[in-house]
Amino acid sequence: MDKHIVLKAITELEKEKQEQKISEVKRIVSSYLEKIAEQEDIAKNEQKKLKLLKKDLDDLKAGRLDKIEDRQKNDPMAKGVSVIIIQRVEKGYLPFQPWRSDYTLNDINSTVRIDVTGVFCQNFVSGTYRVGNKIINF
């Protein structure tokens, strides 16, 4: 056999092996990138949930139950994330000051139902709360 042909065949085989290794490394990198994109989507979704919860709490503190109710009507995620379900009691509805209207708050974690106004929440939400091992002044 011709030495030249054998050397050329060996060189081509080495190139093929190297290309296979490169292809495998690229597949691994692609898998990492897909996993990162998936986790970023999850984190983005969790950040949106956190933002909704903080908005609800801020609106509860401000007595703006109307804003929570509107958010729950317009955003399915807001209704799914929220700790309470808010419904306006129509008989006490004041269109020019919706936060002064009567609302029913239903705690999704228990059977508690509270009839309140936004002003009531505004006056009595503030305080010191123990959450786990933390004490939070709100």
C-alpha atoms as a PDB file:
ATOM      1  CA  MET A   1       0.000   0.000   0.000  1.00  0.00           C
ATOM      2  CA  ASP A   2       0.940   3.527  -0.588  1.00  0.00           C
ATOM      3  CA  LYS A   3       2.074   5.293   2.610  1.00  0.00           C
ATOM      4  CA  HIS A   4       0.538   8.522   1.420  1.00  0.00           C
ATOM      5  CA  ILE A   5      -2.941   6.997   1.145  1.00  0.00           C
ATOM      6  CA  VAL A   6      -2.696   5.442   4.618  1.00  0.00           C
ATOM      7  CA  LEU A   7      -1.582   8.762   6.191  1.00  0.00           C
ATOM      8  CA  LYS A   8      -4.401  10.585   4.423  1.00  0.00           C
ATOM      9  CA  ALA A   9      -6.954   7.999   5.672  1.00  0.00           C
ATOM     10  CA  ILE A  10      -5.641   8.312   9.237  1.00  0.00           C
ATOM     11  CA  THR A  11      -5.836  12.104   9.033  1.00  0.00           C
ATOM     12  CA  GLU A  12      -9.420  11.956   7.765  1.00  0.00           C
ATOM     13  CA  LEU A  13     -10.417   9.506  10.522  1.00  0.00           C
ATOM     14  CA  GLU A  14      -8.915  11.832  13.148  1.00  0.00           C
ATOM     15  CA  LYS A  15     -10.829  14.755  11.648  1.00  0.00           C
ATOM     16  CA  GLU A  16     -14.054  12.736  11.762  1.00  0.00           C
ATOM     17  CA  LYS A  17     -13.465  11.850  15.438  1.00  0.00           C
ATOM     18  CA  GLN A  18     -12.709  15.477  16.225  1.00  0.00           C
ATOM     19  CA  GLU A  19     -15.870  16.605  14.407  1.00  0.00           C
ATOM     20  CA  GLN A  20     -17.889  14.051  16.394  1.00  0.00           C
ATOM     21  CA  LYS A  21     -16.421  15.414  19.636  1.00  0.00           C
ATOM     22  CA  ILE A  22     -17.149  18.983  18.523  1.00  0.00           C
ATOM     23  CA  SER A  23     -20.693  17.979  17.618  1.00  0.00           C
ATOM     24  CA  GLU A  24     -21.182  16.344  21.023  1.00  0.00           C
ATOM     25  CA  VAL A  25     -19.808  19.392  22.858  1.00  0.00           C
ATOM     26  CA  LYS A  26     -22.140  21.650  20.833  1.00  0.00           C
ATOM     27  CA  ARG A  27     -25.072  19.383  21.721  1.00  0.00           C
ATOM     28  CA  ILE A  28     -24.157  19.686  25.421  1.00  0.00           C
ATOM     29  CA  VAL A  29     -23.863  23.478  25.161  1.00  0.00           C
ATOM     30  CA  SER A  30     -27.227  23.582  23.382  1.00  0.00           C
ATOM     31  CA  SER A  31     -28.766  21.540  26.206  1.00  0.00           C
ATOM     32  CA  TYR A  32     -27.355  23.985  28.769  1.00  0.00           C
ATOM     33  CA  LEU A  33     -28.708  26.959  26.819  1.00  0.00           C
ATOM     34  CA  GLU A  34     -32.162  25.349  26.594  1.00  0.00           C
ATOM     35  CA  LYS A  35     -32.144  24.643  30.345  1.00  0.00           C
ATOM     36  CA  ILE A  36     -31.042  28.213  31.093  1.00  0.00           C
ATOM     37  CA  ALA A  37     -33.819  29.620  28.891  1.00  0.00           C
ATOM     38  CA  GLU A  38     -36.348  27.380  30.645  1.00  0.00           C
ATOM     39  CA  GLN A  39     -35.156  28.496  34.093  1.00  0.00           C
ATOM     40  CA  GLU A  40     -35.202  32.149  33.009  1.00  0.00           C
ATOM     41  CA  ASP A  41     -38.833  31.744  31.939  1.00  0.00           C
ATOM     42  CA  ILE A  42     -39.662  30.171  35.302  1.00  0.00           C
ATOM     43  CA  ALA A  43     -37.819  32.956  37.153  1.00  0.00           C
ATOM     44  CA  LYS A  44     -39.602  35.605  35.061  1.00  0.00           C
ATOM     45  CA  ASN A  45     -42.938  34.003  35.889  1.00  0.00           C
ATOM     46  CA  GLU A  46     -42.056  33.843  39.597  1.00  0.00           C
ATOM     47  CA  GLN A  47     -40.962  37.493  39.536  1.00  0.00           C
ATOM     48  CA  LYS A  48     -44.323  38.438  38.037  1.00  0.00           C
ATOM     49  CA  LYS A  49     -46.106  36.506  40.802  1.00  0.00           C
ATOM     50  CA  LEU A  50     -43.988  38.234  43.441  1.00  0.00           C
ATOM     51  CA  LYS A  51     -44.748  41.622  41.908  1.00  0.00           C
ATOM     52  CA  LEU A  52     -48.486  40.862  41.930  1.00  0.00           C
ATOM     53  CA  LEU A  53     -48.376  39.811  45.584  1.00  0.00           C
ATOM     54  CA  LYS A  54     -46.515  42.983  46.538  1.00  0.00           C
ATOM     55  CA  LYS A  55     -49.015  45.117  44.606  1.00  0.00           C
ATOM     56  CA  ASP A  56     -51.902  43.384  46.396  1.00  0.00           C
ATOM     57  CA  LEU A  57     -50.309  43.999  49.770  1.00  0.00           C
ATOM     58  CA  ASP A  58     -49.565  47.647  48.966  1.00  0.00           C
ATOM     59  CA  ASP A  59     -53.129  48.170  47.726  1.00  0.00           C
ATOM     60  CA  LEU A  60     -54.533  46.433  50.808  1.00  0.00           C
ATOM     61  CA  LYS A  61     -52.463  48.716  53.020  1.00  0.00           C
ATOM     62  CA  ALA A  62     -53.682  51.759  51.058  1.00  0.00           C
ATOM     63  CA  GLY A  63     -57.278  50.557  51.323  1.00  0.00           C
ATOM     64  CA  ARG A  64     -57.549  50.240  47.533  1.00  0.00           C
ATOM     65  CA  LEU A  65     -59.542  47.012  47.400  1.00  0.00           C
ATOM     66  CA  ASP A  66     -60.951  48.230  44.084  1.00  0.00           C
ATOM     67  CA  LYS A  67     -57.503  47.931  42.490  1.00  0.00           C
ATOM     68  CA  ILE A  68     -57.070  44.361  43.747  1.00  0.00           C
ATOM     69  CA  GLU A  69     -60.537  43.473  42.465  1.00  0.00           C
ATOM     70  CA  ASP A  70     -59.786  44.971  39.034  1.00  0.00           C
ATOM     71  CA  ARG A  71     -56.443  43.174  38.838  1.00  0.00           C
ATOM     72  CA  GLN A  72     -58.103  39.863  39.698  1.00  0.00           C
ATOM     73  CA  LYS A  73     -60.755  40.405  37.027  1.00  0.00           C
ATOM     74  CA  ASN A  74     -58.267  41.340  34.299  1.00  0.00           C
ATOM     75  CA  ASP A  75     -55.291  39.068  35.032  1.00  0.00           C
ATOM     76  CA  PRO A  76     -55.879  35.333  35.608  1.00  0.00           C
ATOM     77  CA  MET A  77     -52.434  35.062  37.177  1.00  0.00           C
ATOM     78  CA  ALA A  78     -53.368  37.734  39.748  1.00  0.00           C
ATOM     79  CA  LYS A  79     -56.442  35.762  40.778  1.00  0.00           C
ATOM     80  CA  GLY A  80     -54.438  32.527  41.003  1.00  0.00           C
ATOM     81  CA  VAL A  81     -51.622  34.056  43.055  1.00  0.00           C
ATOM     82  CA  SER A  82     -53.635  36.228  45.408  1.00  0.00           C
ATOM     83  CA  VAL A  83     -54.270  35.184  49.003  1.00  0.00           C
ATOM     84  CA  ILE A  84     -57.812  36.570  48.950  1.00  0.00           C
ATOM     85  CA  ILE A  85     -60.662  36.799  46.502  1.00  0.00           C
ATOM     86  CA  ILE A  86     -62.324  40.222  46.511  1.00  0.00           C
ATOM     87  CA  GLN A  87     -65.887  40.932  45.463  1.00  0.00           C
ATOM     88  CA  ARG A  88     -67.567  44.307  45.575  1.00  0.00           C
ATOM     89  CA  VAL A  89     -70.884  44.439  47.411  1.00  0.00           C
ATOM     90  CA  GLU A  90     -73.068  46.293  44.969  1.00  0.00           C
ATOM     91  CA  LYS A  91     -75.441  47.876  47.473  1.00  0.00           C
ATOM     92  CA  GLY A  92     -72.697  50.019  48.954  1.00  0.00           C
ATOM     93  CA  TYR A  93     -70.946  50.870  45.704  1.00  0.00           C
ATOM     94  CA  LEU A  94     -69.778  54.473  45.487  1.00  0.00           C
ATOM     95  CA  PRO A  95     -68.611  55.065  41.899  1.00  0.00           C
ATOM     96  CA  PHE A  96     -66.792  58.306  42.663  1.00  0.00           C
ATOM     97  CA  GLN A  97     -64.821  56.705  45.526  1.00  0.00           C
ATOM     98  CA  PRO A  98     -64.618  52.953  44.810  1.00  0.00           C
ATOM     99  CA  TRP A  99     -62.204  52.326  47.699  1.00  0.00           C
ATOM    100  CA  ARG A 100     -64.963  53.382  50.129  1.00  0.00           C
ATOM    101  CA  SER A 101     -67.347  50.733  48.769  1.00  0.00           C
ATOM    102  CA  ASP A 102     -68.173  47.592  50.707  1.00  0.00           C
ATOM    103  CA  TYR A 103     -66.190  44.491  49.733  1.00  0.00           C
ATOM    104  CA  THR A 104     -66.240  40.852  50.684  1.00  0.00           C
ATOM    105  CA  LEU A 105     -62.821  39.280  51.240  1.00  0.00           C
ATOM    106  CA  ASN A 106     -62.610  35.493  51.030  1.00  0.00           C
ATOM    107  CA  ASP A 107     -59.409  33.953  52.346  1.00  0.00           C
ATOM    108  CA  ILE A 108     -58.475  31.122  49.965  1.00  0.00           C
ATOM    109  CA  ASN A 109     -56.635  29.242  52.727  1.00  0.00           C
ATOM    110  CA  SER A 110     -59.630  29.043  55.072  1.00  0.00           C
ATOM    111  CA  THR A 111     -63.352  29.603  55.189  1.00  0.00           C
ATOM    112  CA  VAL A 112     -63.031  33.121  56.587  1.00  0.00           C
ATOM    113  CA  ARG A 113     -65.216  35.735  54.937  1.00  0.00           C
ATOM    114  CA  ILE A 114     -64.893  39.384  55.925  1.00  0.00           C
ATOM    115  CA  ASP A 115     -67.111  42.263  54.896  1.00  0.00           C
ATOM    116  CA  VAL A 116     -65.039  45.453  54.908  1.00  0.00           C
ATOM    117  CA  THR A 117     -64.399  48.736  53.204  1.00  0.00           C
ATOM    118  CA  GLY A 118     -61.091  49.904  51.817  1.00  0.00           C
ATOM    119  CA  VAL A 119     -60.891  52.517  54.570  1.00  0.00           C
ATOM    120  CA  PHE A 120     -61.145  49.779  57.215  1.00  0.00           C
ATOM    121  CA  CYS A 121     -58.183  47.929  55.647  1.00  0.00           C
ATOM    122  CA  GLN A 122     -56.220  51.136  55.335  1.00  0.00           C
ATOM    123  CA  ASN A 123     -56.653  51.820  59.051  1.00  0.00           C
ATOM    124  CA  PHE A 124     -55.943  48.336  60.411  1.00  0.00           C
ATOM    125  CA  VAL A 125     -53.469  46.575  58.092  1.00  0.00           C
ATOM    126  CA  SER A 126     -50.385  48.287  59.513  1.00  0.00           C
ATOM    127  CA  GLY A 127     -48.602  46.648  62.417  1.00  0.00           C
ATOM    128  CA  THR A 128     -45.918  44.164  63.426  1.00  0.00           C
ATOM    129  CA  TYR A 129     -46.133  40.662  61.970  1.00  0.00           C
ATOM    130  CA  ARG A 130     -44.141  37.502  62.676  1.00  0.00           C
ATOM    131  CA  VAL A 131     -43.403  35.639  59.430  1.00  0.00           C
ATOM    132  CA  GLY A 132     -41.391  32.501  60.053  1.00  0.00           C
ATOM    133  CA  ASN A 133     -38.391  33.595  62.083  1.00  0.00           C
ATOM    134  CA  LYS A 134     -38.659  37.219  60.975  1.00  0.00           C
ATOM    135  CA  ILE A 135     -40.510  40.115  62.520  1.00  0.00           C
ATOM    136  CA  ILE A 136     -41.815  42.532  59.912  1.00  0.00           C
ATOM    137  CA  ASN A 137     -43.042  46.030  60.682  1.00  0.00           C
ATOM    138  CA  PHE A 138     -45.602  46.885  58.080  1.00  0.00           C
END
